[in-house]
Structure formats: structure tokens, C-alpha cells
């Protein structure tokens, strides 16, 4: 039992603590959604705010999802670069979701596909070890890279996704990859008009990871 007169003081202090704790919880920052990608996700050649990652942020808000979108994409990045950068990004942002959009530059440089696969596997494993939900965005290469290389490159994204049990976007440019009017003059980077199509390709797989 509290001494006479002390009980009311203790109750008042408890009420004050609860009042302070409530707003702190309510004011917590929303969980982060990290996009780890290359120039396509970094918005290369686009006006500021026109890339698909910015459109993703707007769609999340309009659909009632509370996430802070962090664009960790760098033009020219490879799976090796993403693998090197990811641990620091995980530690800094503690994301609830990581979207991996890497591999295109590996193929453009004729990189070793076994190394690309190993890097993707490592990134997914690292994110999962950090209790983060993960998805992979796959890419496809034009036929002039040779049928064997093109087939093996396209398949490795699905192989990793299946092995790691994570959602997959099989082809980022699905539905418009052959339409050169939706690509910048380099024929590699989609135009501003194509960014909504990129988001539409990502959205179904991403929705399986979102929490309200």
C-alpha cells in the first residue's frame, strides 16, 4: 500500500507518463520502403519527380499505405555495387520492404551470370536476415546479345526468387519494351511517359508485401 497522500501523486505521474507515451507512438515515422536499383529507378534523363519511384510514393499514399519511400538507386550500378551498398542502407533505414532492381548493367557489360546470381542471392539473404520483406525486379536483354545469354539472364531472376521465396516482377519493361517511342534516344532508359507503365508492372508483386 502507498502511504496516505502518495497514491494520488503516483497516479498523477502514471497519467502523465501515459500521456507522453501516446503521442510518441502516434508520431513514429512510417516504415521505410527501399528501392535498390540502377539508372532506370534513379530516373536517369527524366525531369525531377517524374520517375516511377516518385509515382510509387504517390500511389502508396493515395491507396492508404503509410511508407516512407527511400530511393537508393544509382545510375550505372550493378549487382556487385548493390551488394556492397545494401548493408549500410539496411542499418540506416531499417526498411520494412526492399525492392531490388539490379542486373541490367551486369548484362550490358557482358558480366558473368553466375556472379550476378550470387550477388542477387546475397542481397536477398541479407535483407531477409534483417527481417525485411523483399522482392526482385527482373530484366530482359535484346536478342542481339545471343539467345543463350539472353535466356540464362532472364531466367536467373526467377531462379533466385523461387529459391528465396520472394515475389518477382519477371520483366520490368513488359508491355512496352519493343516500343522505341517510350525510350530515350539511348534506347535503354524509358521516357517519362513510360514511368507509369513501370509502376503498373511492379505494383501487383509489391502489393503482396504491403501492410496497412
Protein backbone atom coordinates (compact mmCIF):
# COMPACT_ATOMS: atom_id res chain seq x y z
CA UNK A 1 0.00 0.00 0.00
CA UNK A 2 1.13 3.57 -0.71
CA UNK A 3 1.38 5.94 2.29
CA UNK A 4 -1.59 8.29 2.69
CA UNK A 5 -1.39 11.07 0.10
CA UNK A 6 1.22 9.28 -2.01
CA UNK A 7 -1.24 7.23 -4.06
CA UNK A 8 -2.71 10.27 -5.76
CA UNK A 9 0.78 11.52 -6.65
CA UNK A 10 1.74 8.14 -8.16
CA UNK A 11 -1.47 8.01 -10.20
CA UNK A 12 -0.85 11.51 -11.46
CA UNK A 13 2.67 10.57 -12.54
CA UNK A 14 1.41 7.45 -14.31
CA UNK A 15 -1.20 9.51 -16.15
CA UNK A 16 1.50 11.95 -17.21
CA UNK A 17 3.74 9.13 -18.47
CA UNK A 18 0.89 7.59 -20.48
CA UNK A 19 0.02 10.95 -21.96
CA UNK A 20 3.61 11.44 -23.06
CA UNK A 21 3.94 7.92 -24.41
CA UNK A 22 0.80 8.10 -26.52
CA UNK A 23 1.83 10.92 -28.86
CA UNK A 24 5.32 9.45 -29.22
CA UNK A 25 3.88 6.22 -30.56
CA UNK A 26 1.47 8.08 -32.78
CA UNK A 27 4.28 10.25 -34.10
CA UNK A 28 6.58 7.40 -35.07
CA UNK A 29 7.89 7.59 -38.63
CA UNK A 30 6.22 5.17 -41.06
CA UNK A 31 8.27 2.14 -42.10
CA UNK A 32 10.69 2.59 -44.97
CA UNK A 33 10.37 1.03 -48.40
CA UNK A 34 13.82 0.93 -50.00
CA UNK A 35 14.29 0.74 -53.77
CA UNK A 36 17.78 -0.51 -54.57
CA UNK A 37 18.27 -0.01 -58.27
CA UNK A 38 20.22 1.42 -61.17
CA UNK A 39 19.60 4.32 -63.57
CA UNK A 40 16.11 3.13 -64.51
CA UNK A 41 14.97 3.58 -60.91
CA UNK A 42 17.21 6.60 -60.32
CA UNK A 43 15.26 8.47 -63.02
CA UNK A 44 18.10 8.93 -65.48
CA UNK A 45 17.28 11.52 -68.14
CA UNK A 46 13.94 12.44 -66.58
CA UNK A 47 12.71 15.71 -65.10
CA UNK A 48 12.85 15.75 -61.31
CA UNK A 49 9.94 13.93 -59.72
CA UNK A 50 8.86 12.06 -62.85
CA UNK A 51 10.41 8.65 -62.19
CA UNK A 52 8.46 5.54 -61.29
CA UNK A 53 9.74 5.58 -57.70
CA UNK A 54 8.19 9.01 -57.17
CA UNK A 55 4.97 7.73 -58.72
CA UNK A 56 5.13 4.78 -56.33
CA UNK A 57 5.28 7.13 -53.37
CA UNK A 58 2.17 8.93 -54.62
CA UNK A 59 0.26 5.68 -55.23
CA UNK A 60 1.06 4.34 -51.79
CA UNK A 61 -0.33 7.48 -50.21
CA UNK A 62 -3.44 7.53 -52.40
CA UNK A 63 -4.16 3.88 -51.59
CA UNK A 64 -3.82 4.42 -47.87
CA UNK A 65 -0.42 2.82 -47.27
CA UNK A 66 1.93 4.52 -44.83
CA UNK A 67 5.52 4.07 -46.03
CA UNK A 68 8.49 6.34 -46.44
CA UNK A 69 9.93 5.58 -49.88
CA UNK A 70 13.73 5.69 -49.95
CA UNK A 71 15.29 5.68 -53.41
CA UNK A 72 18.68 4.04 -53.01
CA UNK A 73 19.24 3.77 -56.76
CA UNK A 74 22.44 4.90 -58.51
CA UNK A 75 22.93 5.24 -62.25
CA UNK A 76 25.35 2.64 -63.56
CA UNK A 77 25.07 0.40 -60.52
CA UNK A 78 25.48 -3.36 -60.78
CA UNK A 79 24.51 -6.24 -58.55
CA UNK A 80 28.03 -6.13 -57.11
CA UNK A 81 27.57 -2.47 -56.26
CA UNK A 82 24.18 -3.09 -54.72
CA UNK A 83 25.56 -5.97 -52.69
CA UNK A 84 28.29 -3.69 -51.32
CA UNK A 85 25.89 -0.84 -50.52
CA UNK A 86 22.97 -2.76 -49.05
CA UNK A 87 24.27 -3.46 -45.52
CA UNK A 88 24.71 0.25 -44.79
CA UNK A 89 21.28 1.06 -46.24
CA UNK A 90 19.66 -1.63 -44.11
CA UNK A 91 21.38 -0.32 -40.99
CA UNK A 92 20.47 3.30 -41.74
CA UNK A 93 16.85 2.98 -42.86
CA UNK A 94 15.76 -0.33 -41.31
CA UNK A 95 13.31 -0.83 -44.19
CA UNK A 96 10.23 -2.99 -43.93
CA UNK A 97 10.49 -3.73 -47.67
CA UNK A 98 13.40 -3.82 -50.12
CA UNK A 99 12.78 -3.75 -53.87
CA UNK A 100 15.85 -4.94 -55.78
CA UNK A 101 16.09 -3.63 -59.35
CA UNK A 102 19.62 -4.53 -60.42
CA UNK A 103 21.26 -6.70 -63.03
CA UNK A 104 20.71 -4.77 -66.24
CA UNK A 105 24.18 -3.21 -66.16
CA UNK A 106 25.73 -6.59 -65.43
CA UNK A 107 24.32 -7.88 -68.71
CA UNK A 108 25.06 -4.74 -70.72
CA UNK A 109 28.71 -5.22 -69.77
CA UNK A 110 28.61 -8.91 -70.62
CA UNK A 111 29.13 -9.84 -67.00
CA UNK A 112 29.40 -13.33 -65.58
CA UNK A 113 25.87 -14.52 -64.89
CA UNK A 114 26.93 -16.79 -62.04
CA UNK A 115 28.31 -13.75 -60.28
CA UNK A 116 25.09 -11.82 -60.93
CA UNK A 117 23.06 -14.67 -59.48
CA UNK A 118 25.31 -14.90 -56.41
CA UNK A 119 25.04 -11.16 -55.81
CA UNK A 120 21.25 -11.24 -56.01
CA UNK A 121 21.09 -14.18 -53.65
CA UNK A 122 23.37 -12.40 -51.21
CA UNK A 123 21.25 -9.24 -51.24
CA UNK A 124 18.02 -11.15 -50.65
CA UNK A 125 19.62 -13.15 -47.84
CA UNK A 126 21.00 -10.01 -46.19
CA UNK A 127 17.63 -8.28 -46.33
CA UNK A 128 15.78 -11.31 -45.01
CA UNK A 129 18.29 -11.61 -42.16
CA UNK A 130 17.37 -8.02 -41.26
CA UNK A 131 13.68 -9.09 -41.04
CA UNK A 132 12.88 -7.22 -44.25
CA UNK A 133 10.38 -8.30 -46.89
CA UNK A 134 12.00 -8.48 -50.33
CA UNK A 135 11.01 -8.52 -53.97
CA UNK A 136 13.04 -8.74 -57.17
CA UNK A 137 12.50 -6.90 -60.44
CA UNK A 138 13.72 -8.92 -63.40
CA UNK A 139 15.11 -7.59 -66.66
CA UNK A 140 15.36 -8.94 -70.17
CA UNK A 141 18.05 -8.28 -72.77
CA UNK A 142 17.61 -7.72 -76.52
CA UNK A 143 18.17 -10.68 -78.79
CA UNK A 144 21.43 -9.33 -80.21
CA UNK A 145 23.18 -10.47 -77.01
CA UNK A 146 22.76 -14.05 -78.19
CA UNK A 147 19.93 -16.48 -77.44
CA UNK A 148 21.78 -18.48 -74.80
CA UNK A 149 22.95 -15.45 -72.82
CA UNK A 150 19.53 -13.75 -73.10
CA UNK A 151 17.71 -16.85 -71.89
CA UNK A 152 20.05 -17.51 -68.98
CA UNK A 153 19.99 -13.88 -67.90
CA UNK A 154 16.20 -13.71 -67.93
CA UNK A 155 15.90 -16.98 -66.01
CA UNK A 156 18.26 -16.14 -63.18
CA UNK A 157 15.86 -13.63 -61.59
CA UNK A 158 13.12 -16.22 -61.39
CA UNK A 159 15.54 -18.84 -60.09
CA UNK A 160 16.64 -16.59 -57.24
CA UNK A 161 13.09 -15.50 -56.44
CA UNK A 162 11.92 -19.11 -56.31
CA UNK A 163 14.85 -20.27 -54.19
CA UNK A 164 14.42 -17.41 -51.74
CA UNK A 165 10.61 -17.43 -51.85
CA UNK A 166 10.21 -13.78 -52.71
CA UNK A 167 7.86 -12.10 -55.20
CA UNK A 168 9.16 -11.38 -58.68
CA UNK A 169 8.43 -8.95 -61.49
CA UNK A 170 9.60 -11.14 -64.41
CA UNK A 171 10.19 -8.31 -66.88
CA UNK A 172 10.36 -4.65 -65.87
CA UNK A 173 9.65 -3.43 -69.41
CA UNK A 174 6.79 -5.84 -70.08
CA UNK A 175 4.17 -4.45 -72.43
CA UNK A 176 6.28 -1.70 -73.96
CA UNK A 177 9.85 -3.00 -74.34
CA UNK A 178 9.60 -3.04 -78.13
CA UNK A 179 8.08 0.42 -78.43
CA UNK A 180 11.02 2.74 -79.07
CA UNK A 181 8.81 5.80 -78.72
CA UNK A 182 8.75 5.06 -74.99
CA UNK A 183 12.55 5.07 -74.70
CA UNK A 184 15.03 7.89 -74.64
CA UNK A 185 17.43 8.23 -77.61
CA UNK A 186 19.87 5.77 -75.99
CA UNK A 187 17.15 3.07 -76.37
CA UNK A 188 17.92 1.91 -72.85
CA UNK A 189 16.13 4.27 -70.49
CA UNK A 190 12.33 4.64 -70.55
CA UNK A 191 10.83 8.09 -71.09
CA UNK A 192 8.67 9.98 -68.63
CA UNK A 193 5.60 8.64 -70.45
CA UNK A 194 6.68 5.08 -69.67
CA UNK A 195 7.13 5.53 -65.93
CA UNK A 196 3.51 4.75 -65.09
CA UNK A 197 3.87 1.51 -67.05
CA UNK A 198 6.91 0.57 -64.97
CA UNK A 199 4.92 1.16 -61.79
CA UNK A 200 2.00 -0.86 -63.12
CA UNK A 201 4.38 -3.76 -63.78
CA UNK A 202 5.77 -3.56 -60.24
CA UNK A 203 2.55 -2.96 -58.34
CA UNK A 204 0.92 -6.44 -58.31
CA UNK A 205 4.00 -8.13 -56.84
CA UNK A 206 4.66 -5.29 -54.43
CA UNK A 207 1.12 -5.36 -53.08
CA UNK A 208 1.76 -8.84 -51.67
CA UNK A 209 4.30 -7.27 -49.30
CA UNK A 210 2.45 -4.12 -48.28
CA UNK A 211 0.81 -3.77 -44.88
CA UNK A 212 -1.70 -1.12 -43.82
